Amino acid sequence: MAELQKDPITRGDFLGFGVIGAVMGTLLTIPPVAYLLGPVIDVDVRGRSNVSQGWQEVGPVAEVPEDEPKVFTVEFPIDQLYGDRQIQRQFPDTPRSRERFTVRNAIWLSWKAPILKEGRQGSTGDELGHPRKPEFLNRKSSGFTPEEIREVERSINVLSNSCAHLGCPVRWIQREGEGEFLCPCHGGIYDINGGWVGGPPPRGMFRYTKFEVRENGRLYVKHEFDVEPGIPGLTTTEPYVI
């Protein structure tokens, strides 16, 4: 009787080749995946941004009324992390476009209303006093002293226009001497300080964390917000409008 031919590849060899193939496939896949996900890694993990981190002018603080906010529009320059910087490093002789790209943000300025009585949950139910505009702003709009600059910076709210729920632009609604920020999309409500009052937003309005008032009476900001701590892209809360 003819002897059966023995299989030259054992089950262990087969599994071993499979593992080697999987490892090699993974190694070959990582570089292109990392290349494609580079912008996401830079922004969400490394905390980098396409938006310029330089100072941008908002407007004169003397124009902000005492009893209601005033909105200003700011054009933040964009410097693409993924394209322009890498291309210039690898190909320094490549001509650069003269086009200037910006992202437009609306910024609300308001005078802080003192909290007379804190609510039970965050700003819910806070009893607020009347907003306090520095008195000297009724006499002059520029030529501020260092003491006056510090007083304005202590007294002013610098708020993002982006609702903390899904990023819709909020509006100020004035009623019978009182008012509130209202999100027209899903009904989020905030007080004049940007504190959460009601609706689906998980927090109060986003605040610009870096701002300064200068001697010329104008306020300047950098594109940075009071983002809650956590795992980037998973548990952090960030403005949807960038």
Protein backbone atom coordinates (compact mmCIF):
# COMPACT_ATOMS: atom_id res chain seq x y z
CA MET A 1 0.00 0.00 0.00
CA ALA A 2 1.32 3.42 -0.91
CA GLU A 3 2.40 5.53 2.02
CA LEU A 4 0.37 8.72 2.50
CA GLN A 5 2.32 11.86 1.70
CA LYS A 6 3.19 13.79 4.84
CA ASP A 7 2.07 17.46 4.95
CA PRO A 8 5.28 19.53 4.94
CA ILE A 9 3.61 22.31 6.99
CA THR A 10 2.52 21.49 10.52
CA ARG A 11 -0.31 23.22 12.35
CA GLY A 12 2.24 25.03 14.51
CA ASP A 13 4.10 26.27 11.42
CA PHE A 14 0.85 27.51 9.91
CA LEU A 15 -0.06 29.47 13.04
CA GLY A 16 3.47 30.84 13.24
CA PHE A 17 3.36 32.12 9.68
CA GLY A 18 -0.03 33.67 10.42
CA VAL A 19 1.35 35.57 13.43
CA ILE A 20 4.36 36.78 11.41
CA GLY A 21 2.06 37.94 8.60
CA ALA A 22 -0.17 39.81 11.05
CA VAL A 23 2.83 41.55 12.64
CA MET A 24 4.26 42.53 9.25
CA GLY A 25 0.86 43.80 8.09
CA THR A 26 0.55 45.91 11.25
CA LEU A 27 4.03 47.38 10.80
CA LEU A 28 3.26 48.25 7.19
CA THR A 29 -0.08 49.82 8.15
CA ILE A 30 1.10 52.03 11.03
CA PRO A 31 3.01 54.66 8.98
CA PRO A 32 0.14 55.53 6.57
CA VAL A 33 -2.42 55.49 9.39
CA ALA A 34 -0.24 57.78 11.52
CA TYR A 35 0.23 60.02 8.47
CA LEU A 36 -3.52 60.31 7.91
CA LEU A 37 -4.35 60.76 11.60
CA GLY A 38 -1.57 63.27 12.18
CA PRO A 39 -3.88 66.30 12.42
CA VAL A 40 -6.18 64.52 14.88
CA ILE A 41 -3.22 63.47 17.05
CA ASP A 42 -1.76 66.98 17.00
CA VAL A 43 -5.02 68.69 17.98
CA ASP A 44 -6.74 66.17 20.30
CA VAL A 45 -3.74 64.48 21.96
CA ARG A 46 -0.91 66.98 21.84
CA GLY A 47 -3.19 69.95 22.41
CA ARG A 48 -1.93 71.82 19.37
CA SER A 49 -4.20 73.98 17.26
CA ASN A 50 -4.45 75.26 13.71
CA VAL A 51 -5.55 78.62 15.07
CA SER A 52 -2.87 81.22 15.70
CA GLN A 53 -1.96 81.65 19.37
CA GLY A 54 -1.08 85.30 18.96
CA TRP A 55 -2.97 88.21 20.50
CA GLN A 56 -6.06 89.39 18.59
CA GLU A 57 -7.91 92.65 19.18
CA VAL A 58 -11.52 92.39 20.36
CA GLY A 59 -12.60 95.98 20.90
CA PRO A 60 -12.86 98.96 23.28
CA VAL A 61 -14.11 98.00 26.73
CA ALA A 62 -15.73 101.42 27.26
CA GLU A 63 -18.35 100.47 24.65
CA VAL A 64 -19.68 97.59 26.77
CA PRO A 65 -22.92 98.71 28.50
CA GLU A 66 -23.30 98.12 32.21
CA ASP A 67 -26.55 96.15 32.14
CA GLU A 68 -26.14 93.95 29.04
CA PRO A 69 -23.35 92.25 27.05
CA LYS A 70 -21.90 93.45 23.78
CA VAL A 71 -20.76 91.10 21.01
CA PHE A 72 -17.58 91.57 18.98
CA THR A 73 -16.32 89.59 15.96
CA VAL A 74 -12.68 88.51 15.85
CA GLU A 75 -10.81 86.96 12.91
CA PHE A 76 -8.25 84.42 14.18
CA PRO A 77 -5.53 83.57 11.60
CA ILE A 78 -5.17 79.88 10.69
CA ASP A 79 -1.79 78.19 10.33
CA GLN A 80 -2.40 74.60 9.18
CA LEU A 81 -0.45 72.09 11.29
CA TYR A 82 -0.78 69.30 8.74
CA GLY A 83 0.02 71.02 5.48
CA ASP A 84 2.01 74.20 5.39
CA ARG A 85 4.46 73.62 8.24
CA GLN A 86 5.46 70.10 7.20
CA ILE A 87 5.77 71.01 3.53
CA GLN A 88 7.98 73.97 4.34
CA ARG A 89 10.28 71.81 6.49
CA GLN A 90 10.66 69.12 3.84
CA PHE A 91 10.62 71.39 0.79
CA PRO A 92 11.88 74.82 1.93
CA ASP A 93 11.99 76.16 -1.64
CA THR A 94 8.28 75.52 -2.25
CA PRO A 95 6.46 78.83 -2.92
CA ARG A 96 4.00 79.75 -0.18
CA SER A 97 0.48 80.93 -0.89
CA ARG A 98 -0.18 84.57 -0.14
CA GLU A 99 -3.76 83.82 0.82
CA ARG A 100 -4.57 84.59 4.46
CA PHE A 101 -7.10 82.22 6.01
CA THR A 102 -8.98 83.02 9.21
CA VAL A 103 -11.67 81.57 11.45
CA ARG A 104 -14.30 83.99 12.68
CA ASN A 105 -15.33 83.92 16.35
CA ALA A 106 -17.98 86.00 18.07
CA ILE A 107 -16.97 87.08 21.58
CA TRP A 108 -19.33 88.42 24.24
CA LEU A 109 -18.03 90.98 26.71
CA SER A 110 -20.07 91.76 29.82
CA TRP A 111 -19.48 93.21 33.26
CA LYS A 112 -19.52 90.73 36.10
CA ALA A 113 -22.62 90.64 38.25
CA PRO A 114 -21.77 89.83 41.88
CA ILE A 115 -23.21 86.56 43.18
CA LEU A 116 -25.28 87.49 46.22
CA LYS A 117 -26.37 83.93 46.95
CA GLU A 118 -25.03 80.77 45.34
CA GLY A 119 -27.38 78.20 43.88
CA ARG A 120 -27.42 74.51 44.76
CA GLN A 121 -25.80 73.18 41.58
CA GLY A 122 -23.17 75.25 39.84
CA SER A 123 -24.75 78.56 38.92
CA THR A 124 -28.30 77.18 38.99
CA GLY A 125 -30.41 79.47 41.07
CA ASP A 126 -27.63 81.99 41.72
CA GLU A 127 -29.00 85.27 43.00
CA LEU A 128 -27.09 87.97 41.13
CA GLY A 129 -26.60 91.60 41.89
CA HIS A 130 -26.35 94.40 39.32
CA PRO A 131 -23.36 94.21 36.93
CA ARG A 132 -20.59 96.63 37.88
CA LYS A 133 -18.90 98.67 35.17
CA PRO A 134 -15.82 100.55 36.39
CA GLU A 135 -16.89 104.14 36.97
CA PHE A 136 -13.88 105.73 35.30
CA LEU A 137 -15.00 104.30 31.92
CA ASN A 138 -17.75 106.92 31.89
CA ARG A 139 -15.06 109.60 31.73
CA LYS A 140 -12.45 108.15 29.40
CA SER A 141 -12.02 105.35 26.88
CA SER A 142 -8.21 105.18 26.64
CA GLY A 143 -5.05 106.23 28.41
CA PHE A 144 -5.63 103.70 31.20
CA THR A 145 -3.28 103.53 34.16
CA PRO A 146 -1.98 100.13 35.36
CA GLU A 147 -4.46 100.27 38.26
CA GLU A 148 -7.36 100.96 35.90
CA ILE A 149 -6.29 98.11 33.63
CA ARG A 150 -6.29 95.69 36.55
CA GLU A 151 -9.74 96.90 37.64
CA VAL A 152 -11.21 96.28 34.17
CA GLU A 153 -9.63 92.82 33.91
CA ARG A 154 -11.10 91.88 37.30
CA SER A 155 -14.55 93.17 36.33
CA ILE A 156 -15.11 91.81 32.83
CA ASN A 157 -16.44 88.51 31.42
CA VAL A 158 -14.87 87.34 28.14
CA LEU A 159 -17.18 84.64 26.78
CA SER A 160 -17.29 82.46 23.68
CA ASN A 161 -20.39 82.69 21.52
CA SER A 162 -20.47 78.89 21.22
CA CYS A 163 -23.12 77.12 23.30
CA ALA A 164 -21.56 74.46 25.53
CA HIS A 165 -24.12 71.92 24.30
CA LEU A 166 -23.65 71.53 20.53
CA GLY A 167 -21.98 74.78 19.55
CA CYS A 168 -24.91 76.88 18.33
CA PRO A 169 -24.37 80.65 18.60
CA VAL A 170 -26.10 82.07 21.66
CA ARG A 171 -28.12 85.29 21.75
CA TRP A 172 -28.76 87.83 24.47
CA ILE A 173 -32.44 88.31 25.29
CA GLN A 174 -33.37 91.40 27.34
CA ARG A 175 -36.64 91.36 29.28
CA GLU A 176 -37.91 94.06 31.65
CA GLY A 177 -34.51 95.15 32.86
CA GLU A 178 -33.19 91.60 33.12
CA GLY A 179 -31.69 89.35 30.50
CA GLU A 180 -30.10 86.02 29.71
CA PHE A 181 -28.09 84.27 27.06
CA LEU A 182 -30.30 81.86 25.13
CA CYS A 183 -29.31 79.11 22.69
CA PRO A 184 -31.95 79.08 19.92
CA CYS A 185 -31.19 75.46 18.92
CA HIS A 186 -31.99 73.49 22.09
CA GLY A 187 -32.88 76.05 24.74
CA GLY A 188 -29.68 76.36 26.76
CA ILE A 189 -29.85 79.31 29.15
CA TYR A 190 -26.99 81.26 30.79
CA ASP A 191 -26.81 84.32 33.02
CA ILE A 192 -24.85 87.49 32.23
CA ASN A 193 -21.73 85.96 33.80
CA GLY A 194 -22.00 82.97 31.43
CA GLY A 195 -23.14 80.70 34.26
CA TRP A 196 -25.43 77.75 33.43
CA VAL A 197 -29.06 78.37 34.30
CA GLY A 198 -31.04 75.70 32.46
CA GLY A 199 -31.38 73.43 29.43
CA PRO A 200 -29.13 70.68 28.03
CA PRO A 201 -25.66 72.34 28.21
CA PRO A 202 -23.38 70.40 30.61
CA ARG A 203 -21.66 73.55 31.90
CA GLY A 204 -21.55 77.32 31.65
CA MET A 205 -20.38 79.27 28.63
CA PHE A 206 -16.73 78.88 27.59
CA ARG A 207 -14.43 81.62 28.82
CA TYR A 208 -11.30 82.92 27.15
CA THR A 209 -8.54 82.21 29.66
CA LYS A 210 -5.97 84.57 28.17
CA PHE A 211 -7.03 88.17 27.71
CA GLU A 212 -5.60 91.54 28.53
CA VAL A 213 -6.65 95.17 28.50
CA ARG A 214 -4.09 97.66 27.24
CA GLU A 215 -3.47 101.35 27.75
CA ASN A 216 -5.38 102.16 24.56
CA GLY A 217 -8.57 100.91 26.22
CA ARG A 218 -8.97 97.84 24.03
CA LEU A 219 -9.20 94.20 25.04
CA TYR A 220 -7.10 91.49 23.36
CA VAL A 221 -7.45 87.70 23.53
CA LYS A 222 -5.63 84.49 22.65
CA HIS A 223 -7.57 81.50 21.32
CA GLU A 224 -7.61 79.50 24.58
CA PHE A 225 -10.58 78.43 26.68
CA ASP A 226 -11.36 77.06 30.14
CA VAL A 227 -11.63 73.47 28.90
CA GLU A 228 -12.49 70.93 31.57
CA PRO A 229 -9.76 68.38 32.42
CA GLY A 230 -10.05 64.78 31.28
CA ILE A 231 -9.12 62.44 28.44
CA PRO A 232 -8.66 64.45 25.19
CA GLY A 233 -11.41 63.65 22.72
CA LEU A 234 -13.35 61.53 25.21
CA THR A 235 -14.22 63.28 28.46
CA THR A 236 -13.09 66.85 27.87
CA THR A 237 -15.62 69.51 26.96
CA GLU A 238 -14.47 71.91 24.26
CA PRO A 239 -16.05 74.66 22.18
CA TYR A 240 -17.47 73.29 18.94
CA VAL A 241 -16.81 76.57 17.14
CA ILE A 242 -13.06 77.01 16.71
